[in-house]
N, C-alpha and C. Protein backbone atom coordinates (compact mmCIF):
# COMPACT_ATOMS: atom_id res chain seq x y z
N MET A 1 0.83 -1.12 -0.12
CA MET A 1 0.39 0.01 0.27
C MET A 1 0.27 0.95 0.11
N ARG A 2 0.18 1.80 -0.47
CA ARG A 2 1.24 3.39 -1.14
C ARG A 2 1.13 4.32 -0.15
N CYS A 3 1.38 5.12 0.94
CA CYS A 3 1.10 6.15 1.61
C CYS A 3 0.97 7.76 0.74
N ARG A 4 0.00 7.90 0.93
CA ARG A 4 -0.59 9.54 -0.24
C ARG A 4 0.29 10.16 0.78
N ARG A 5 1.44 11.07 -0.16
CA ARG A 5 1.82 12.68 0.61
C ARG A 5 1.00 13.57 0.60
N PRO A 6 0.78 13.87 1.90
CA PRO A 6 -0.50 15.51 1.31
C PRO A 6 0.97 16.61 0.25
N ARG A 7 0.03 16.84 -0.50
CA ARG A 7 0.29 18.11 -1.13
C ARG A 7 0.17 19.98 -0.23
N PRO A 8 1.01 20.33 -0.50
CA PRO A 8 1.44 21.86 -0.01
C PRO A 8 0.51 22.69 0.34
N SER A 9 -0.76 22.44 -0.65
CA SER A 9 -2.28 22.75 -0.27
C SER A 9 -3.16 22.50 0.80
N ASP A 10 -3.43 21.00 0.98
CA ASP A 10 -3.82 20.28 2.30
C ASP A 10 -3.25 20.75 3.59
N GLU A 11 -1.92 21.67 3.83
CA GLU A 11 -1.53 21.69 5.14
C GLU A 11 -2.07 22.29 6.07
N ASP A 12 -2.14 21.83 6.97
CA ASP A 12 -2.83 23.42 7.89
C ASP A 12 -1.86 23.77 8.54
N GLY A 13 -2.45 25.17 9.00
CA GLY A 13 -1.27 26.13 9.62
C GLY A 13 -1.25 27.33 9.53
N PHE A 14 -0.42 27.98 9.74
CA PHE A 14 -0.27 29.58 9.06
C PHE A 14 0.66 30.12 8.28
N THR A 15 0.30 31.09 7.07
CA THR A 15 1.72 31.61 6.02
C THR A 15 2.56 32.09 7.23
N THR A 16 3.62 32.27 6.64
CA THR A 16 4.34 33.04 7.28
C THR A 16 3.64 34.66 7.16
N VAL A 17 2.77 35.25 6.48
CA VAL A 17 2.53 36.80 6.19
C VAL A 17 2.07 36.81 7.66
N GLU A 18 0.64 35.82 8.38
CA GLU A 18 -0.40 35.74 8.97
C GLU A 18 0.84 35.81 10.70
N VAL A 19 2.12 35.15 10.31
CA VAL A 19 2.58 34.81 11.54
C VAL A 19 3.23 36.27 11.87
N LEU A 20 4.09 36.76 10.51
CA LEU A 20 4.22 38.12 10.98
C LEU A 20 3.79 39.60 11.38
N VAL A 21 2.18 39.07 11.06
CA VAL A 21 1.61 40.42 11.54
C VAL A 21 1.42 40.11 13.34
N ALA A 22 0.94 39.11 13.71
CA ALA A 22 0.31 38.24 15.00
C ALA A 22 1.60 39.09 15.46
N PHE A 23 2.81 38.77 15.07
CA PHE A 23 4.17 39.73 15.80
C PHE A 23 4.20 41.00 15.87
N GLY A 24 3.98 41.25 15.08
CA GLY A 24 3.75 42.68 15.38
C GLY A 24 2.98 43.04 15.73
N ILE A 25 1.79 42.84 16.23
CA ILE A 25 0.39 42.89 16.76
C ILE A 25 0.67 42.98 18.31
N ALA A 26 0.85 41.78 18.43
CA ALA A 26 1.70 41.57 19.82
C ALA A 26 3.18 42.51 20.36
N ALA A 27 4.03 42.62 19.16
CA ALA A 27 5.29 44.13 19.33
C ALA A 27 3.96 45.09 19.97
N ALA A 28 2.67 45.76 19.25
CA ALA A 28 2.81 46.43 19.43
C ALA A 28 1.75 47.08 21.14
N ALA A 29 0.87 45.74 21.09
CA ALA A 29 0.56 45.84 22.07
C ALA A 29 1.24 45.75 23.44
N THR A 30 2.76 45.75 22.96
CA THR A 30 3.70 45.55 25.18
C THR A 30 4.38 46.64 24.59
N VAL A 31 4.50 47.11 23.33
CA VAL A 31 4.66 48.70 23.44
C VAL A 31 3.94 49.82 23.91
N MET A 32 2.83 49.55 23.88
CA MET A 32 1.95 50.25 24.31
C MET A 32 1.51 50.11 26.11
N ALA A 33 1.93 48.31 26.24
CA ALA A 33 1.24 48.28 28.02
C ALA A 33 2.88 49.28 28.49
N PHE A 34 4.17 48.77 28.52
CA PHE A 34 5.27 49.60 28.49
C PHE A 34 5.21 51.12 28.41
N GLN A 35 4.30 51.71 27.86
CA GLN A 35 4.09 53.58 27.81
C GLN A 35 3.43 53.86 28.75
N ILE A 36 2.37 53.19 28.88
CA ILE A 36 0.89 52.90 30.31
C ILE A 36 1.46 53.09 31.28
N ALA A 37 2.24 52.03 31.99
CA ALA A 37 3.04 51.57 32.91
C ALA A 37 4.04 52.87 33.13
N GLY A 38 4.76 53.66 32.53
CA GLY A 38 5.66 54.24 32.66
C GLY A 38 5.04 55.75 33.32
N THR A 39 4.18 55.76 32.30
CA THR A 39 3.16 57.59 32.29
C THR A 39 2.57 57.43 33.04
N ALA A 40 2.17 55.94 34.16
CA ALA A 40 1.18 55.48 35.48
C ALA A 40 2.10 55.67 36.44
N ALA A 41 4.02 55.36 36.42
CA ALA A 41 4.33 55.57 37.16
C ALA A 41 4.92 57.11 37.46
N GLY A 42 5.40 57.70 36.81
CA GLY A 42 5.24 59.09 36.55
C GLY A 42 4.13 59.77 37.52
N ALA A 43 3.53 59.65 37.25
CA ALA A 43 1.90 60.29 37.70
C ALA A 43 2.03 60.13 39.12
N VAL A 44 2.59 59.07 39.48
CA VAL A 44 2.62 57.97 41.12
C VAL A 44 4.22 59.27 41.84
N LYS A 45 4.57 59.40 40.92
CA LYS A 45 5.53 59.49 41.34
C LYS A 45 5.05 61.48 42.24
N ALA A 46 5.09 62.46 40.83
CA ALA A 46 4.42 63.70 41.22
C ALA A 46 2.71 63.43 41.73
N ILE A 47 2.14 62.73 42.37
CA ILE A 47 1.62 62.78 43.74
C ILE A 47 2.15 62.49 44.38
N GLU A 48 3.06 61.56 44.68
CA GLU A 48 3.61 61.44 45.94
C GLU A 48 4.50 63.22 46.10
N ALA A 49 5.20 63.72 45.35
CA ALA A 49 6.00 64.92 45.45
C ALA A 49 5.10 65.73 45.95
N SER A 50 3.82 65.86 45.77
CA SER A 50 2.81 66.72 46.22
C SER A 50 2.31 67.00 47.43
N ARG A 51 2.31 65.50 47.84
CA ARG A 51 2.00 65.50 48.72
C ARG A 51 2.62 65.31 49.76
N VAL A 52 3.96 64.94 49.72
CA VAL A 52 5.08 65.56 50.73
C VAL A 52 5.38 66.95 50.51
N ALA A 53 5.25 67.48 49.89
CA ALA A 53 5.23 68.93 49.95
C ALA A 53 4.38 69.62 50.63
N ALA A 54 3.08 69.47 50.66
CA ALA A 54 1.72 69.65 51.54
C ALA A 54 2.07 69.31 52.47
N ASP A 55 2.66 68.11 53.13
CA ASP A 55 2.81 67.78 54.23
C ASP A 55 3.86 69.04 54.76
N GLU A 56 4.93 69.16 53.84
CA GLU A 56 5.66 70.17 54.64
C GLU A 56 5.31 71.61 54.79
N ALA A 57 4.45 72.28 53.93
CA ALA A 57 4.31 73.26 54.04
C ALA A 57 2.92 73.17 55.49
N GLU A 58 2.23 72.33 55.98
CA GLU A 58 1.92 72.27 57.14
C GLU A 58 2.44 72.19 58.42
N GLY A 59 3.96 71.67 57.89
CA GLY A 59 4.74 71.57 58.82
C GLY A 59 5.24 72.96 59.28
N VAL A 60 5.52 73.59 58.68
CA VAL A 60 5.46 75.19 57.98
C VAL A 60 5.56 75.85 59.30
N VAL A 61 3.80 76.04 59.09
CA VAL A 61 2.51 76.59 59.16
C VAL A 61 3.39 76.47 61.25
N LEU A 62 2.83 75.20 60.97
CA LEU A 62 2.74 74.73 62.89
C LEU A 62 4.16 75.15 63.30
N ARG A 63 5.13 75.29 62.44
CA ARG A 63 6.38 75.47 63.79
C ARG A 63 6.25 77.03 63.79
N ARG A 64 5.75 77.89 62.55
CA ARG A 64 5.04 79.34 63.19
C ARG A 64 4.59 79.83 64.03
N LEU A 65 3.65 78.84 64.08
CA LEU A 65 2.23 78.77 64.89
C LEU A 65 2.99 78.67 66.65
N ALA A 66 3.46 77.71 66.99
CA ALA A 66 4.54 77.07 68.08
C ALA A 66 5.23 78.79 68.60
N ALA A 67 6.20 79.07 67.60
CA ALA A 67 7.14 80.03 68.00
C ALA A 67 6.46 81.18 68.66
N GLY A 68 5.15 81.30 68.62
CA GLY A 68 4.62 82.78 68.76
C GLY A 68 3.20 83.03 68.44
N PRO A 69 2.55 84.12 69.01
CA PRO A 69 1.37 85.42 68.22
C PRO A 69 1.88 85.47 66.53
N LEU A 70 1.06 85.30 65.60
CA LEU A 70 0.79 85.55 64.91
C LEU A 70 1.52 87.44 64.51
N ARG A 71 2.05 87.87 63.45
CA ARG A 71 2.10 88.70 63.37
C ARG A 71 1.86 88.68 61.43
N PRO A 72 1.18 89.57 60.86
CA PRO A 72 1.29 89.98 59.36
C PRO A 72 3.09 90.10 58.71
N GLY A 73 2.87 89.87 57.38
CA GLY A 73 4.53 89.44 57.14
C GLY A 73 4.87 88.70 55.92
N LEU A 74 5.70 88.25 55.66
CA LEU A 74 6.38 87.19 54.85
C LEU A 74 7.52 86.33 55.48
N LEU A 75 7.76 85.10 54.99
CA LEU A 75 8.74 84.02 55.80
C LEU A 75 9.18 83.58 54.89
N GLN A 76 10.35 83.41 54.43
CA GLN A 76 10.95 82.47 53.42
C GLN A 76 12.13 80.98 54.37
N GLY A 77 12.02 80.25 53.25
CA GLY A 77 12.69 79.02 53.66
C GLY A 77 13.02 78.07 52.36
N ALA A 78 13.70 76.98 53.10
CA ALA A 78 13.32 75.82 52.01
C ALA A 78 12.95 74.73 52.14
N PHE A 79 12.26 74.08 51.64
CA PHE A 79 12.09 72.23 51.93
C PHE A 79 13.41 71.60 51.89
N SER A 80 12.92 70.00 52.18
CA SER A 80 14.20 69.10 52.41
C SER A 80 14.31 69.02 51.46
N ASP A 81 13.92 68.99 50.14
CA ASP A 81 14.54 68.54 48.75
C ASP A 81 15.44 69.69 48.47
N GLY A 82 14.80 71.19 48.83
CA GLY A 82 15.68 72.41 48.61
C GLY A 82 14.98 73.69 48.07
N THR A 83 13.70 72.65 47.49
CA THR A 83 12.57 74.11 46.77
C THR A 83 12.34 75.32 48.24
N PRO A 84 12.19 76.47 47.78
CA PRO A 84 12.34 77.33 47.96
C PRO A 84 10.69 77.86 48.67
N TRP A 85 10.56 78.13 49.53
CA TRP A 85 9.30 77.99 50.35
C TRP A 85 8.42 79.31 50.54
N THR A 86 7.72 80.23 50.71
CA THR A 86 7.23 81.42 50.69
C THR A 86 6.39 81.38 51.89
N LEU A 87 6.14 81.56 53.14
CA LEU A 87 4.81 81.80 54.67
C LEU A 87 4.45 83.28 54.11
N SER A 88 3.19 83.61 54.52
CA SER A 88 2.71 84.73 53.97
C SER A 88 1.40 84.93 55.13
N ILE A 89 1.33 86.07 56.21
CA ILE A 89 0.97 85.61 56.96
C ILE A 89 -0.25 87.46 56.93
N THR A 90 -1.77 87.12 56.64
CA THR A 90 -2.42 88.34 56.25
C THR A 90 -3.67 87.93 57.94
N ASP A 91 -3.58 89.51 58.55
CA ASP A 91 -5.01 90.34 59.09
C ASP A 91 -6.10 90.23 57.99
N LEU A 92 -7.07 89.83 57.57
CA LEU A 92 -8.11 90.02 56.89
C LEU A 92 -9.62 90.46 57.70
N ARG A 93 -8.56 91.61 58.79
CA ARG A 93 -9.91 92.31 59.47
C ARG A 93 -10.72 93.35 58.50
N PRO A 94 -9.02 94.36 57.62
CA PRO A 94 -9.47 95.09 56.41
C PRO A 94 -10.20 94.42 55.73
N VAL A 95 -10.20 93.65 55.18
CA VAL A 95 -10.27 93.51 53.69
C VAL A 95 -12.14 92.40 53.79
N LEU A 96 -12.05 92.39 54.75
CA LEU A 96 -14.00 91.11 55.54
C LEU A 96 -14.09 92.32 56.42
N GLY A 97 -13.93 94.12 56.28
CA GLY A 97 -14.95 94.86 56.80
C GLY A 97 -15.02 94.89 58.10
N LEU A 98 -13.87 94.12 59.30
CA LEU A 98 -14.32 93.57 60.47
C LEU A 98 -13.08 94.34 61.23
N GLY A 99 -14.76 95.48 62.15
CA GLY A 99 -13.41 96.51 63.00
C GLY A 99 -13.23 96.00 64.44
N ARG A 100 -14.12 96.35 65.52
CA ARG A 100 -12.89 95.52 66.39
C ARG A 100 -13.08 94.16 67.10
N VAL A 101 -13.02 93.33 66.13
CA VAL A 101 -13.12 91.64 66.52
C VAL A 101 -11.34 91.46 66.63
N PRO A 102 -11.56 89.93 67.21
CA PRO A 102 -9.92 89.77 67.11
C PRO A 102 -9.15 89.03 65.40
N PRO A 103 -7.95 89.03 65.27
CA PRO A 103 -7.43 89.22 64.18
C PRO A 103 -7.76 88.20 63.31
N LEU A 104 -8.63 88.11 62.53
CA LEU A 104 -8.27 86.80 61.49
C LEU A 104 -7.27 86.76 60.46
N TRP A 105 -6.76 85.43 60.50
CA TRP A 105 -5.46 85.14 59.81
C TRP A 105 -5.24 84.28 59.18
N GLN A 106 -4.98 84.76 57.85
CA GLN A 106 -4.84 83.98 56.60
C GLN A 106 -3.63 83.78 56.42
N VAL A 107 -3.52 82.24 56.53
CA VAL A 107 -1.46 82.11 56.70
C VAL A 107 -1.60 80.96 54.98
N ARG A 108 -0.63 81.19 54.16
CA ARG A 108 -0.45 80.92 52.71
C ARG A 108 0.62 80.18 52.64
N VAL A 109 1.03 79.24 51.91
CA VAL A 109 2.70 78.64 52.10
C VAL A 109 2.56 78.26 50.60
N SER A 110 3.13 78.64 49.65
CA SER A 110 3.59 78.45 48.54
C SER A 110 4.71 78.41 48.14
N ARG A 111 4.47 77.83 46.52
CA ARG A 111 6.31 77.25 45.85
C ARG A 111 6.73 78.34 45.83
N GLY A 112 8.27 78.96 46.21
CA GLY A 112 8.85 79.76 45.51
C GLY A 112 8.37 81.09 46.27
N GLY A 113 8.05 82.17 45.42
CA GLY A 113 8.16 83.43 45.48
C GLY A 113 6.54 83.69 45.63
N ALA A 114 5.17 84.01 45.04
CA ALA A 114 4.17 84.17 45.11
C ALA A 114 3.88 83.20 44.32
N GLY A 115 3.80 82.02 44.30
CA GLY A 115 3.31 81.01 42.93
C GLY A 115 2.24 81.09 43.90
N VAL A 116 1.64 80.06 43.69
CA VAL A 116 0.13 78.71 43.44
C VAL A 116 0.02 77.97 45.21
N PRO A 117 -0.28 78.44 46.19
CA PRO A 117 -0.19 77.65 47.38
C PRO A 117 -0.36 76.70 47.47
N LEU A 118 0.31 75.71 48.69
CA LEU A 118 0.74 74.14 48.58
C LEU A 118 -0.30 74.35 50.13
N TYR A 119 -0.61 75.22 50.58
CA TYR A 119 -1.33 75.34 51.76
C TYR A 119 -1.23 76.43 52.40
N ALA A 120 -2.90 76.16 52.47
CA ALA A 120 -2.80 77.48 53.05
C ALA A 120 -4.80 77.61 54.39
N THR A 121 -4.65 78.26 55.06
CA THR A 121 -5.98 78.35 55.69
C THR A 121 -5.77 79.93 56.75
N LEU A 122 -7.60 79.61 57.62
CA LEU A 122 -7.47 80.68 58.23
C LEU A 122 -7.67 80.23 59.51
N ILE A 123 -6.59 81.06 60.59
CA ILE A 123 -6.58 81.03 61.84
C ILE A 123 -6.72 82.06 62.75
N PRO A 124 -8.18 81.83 63.85
CA PRO A 124 -8.92 83.38 64.60
C PRO A 124 -7.81 83.50 65.35
N GLU A 125 -7.37 84.41 65.64
CA GLU A 125 -7.32 85.12 67.31
C GLU A 125 -7.51 84.86 68.68
N LYS A 126 -7.12 84.07 69.16
CA LYS A 126 -8.24 84.23 70.19
C LYS A 126 -8.85 85.76 71.43
N PRO A 127 -9.76 86.21 71.73
CA PRO A 127 -9.88 86.91 72.48
C PRO A 127 -8.73 87.02 73.52
N ARG A 128 -8.75 88.19 74.35
CA ARG A 128 -7.85 88.40 75.22
C ARG A 128 -8.19 88.62 76.19
């Protein structure tokens, strides 16, 4: 009995072009996954840096409060990473039209000079 050899057109499988297209799609998906992971890692790093800056800004305000009574003015310093900060203390009584009441202090910590505030709060002074 003779074995019949399959003809090339009878064989199952993928053509070279189909395999190359599949590898191309897999490579593109892998590159996109790495780009997404890199973007997410950068965003997480930026969020963590913002959180640390806000924590340090709050610490600046708390240290100033512990130093004694508030007075209007500016204080400057640097965060642990060397970034400069500015602490601004303002009495809001004139702005709000409040005459004979204890001061209401607006305390703001911003990065550098007069940048966007990292931390801002209102602190009423206790009546004497």
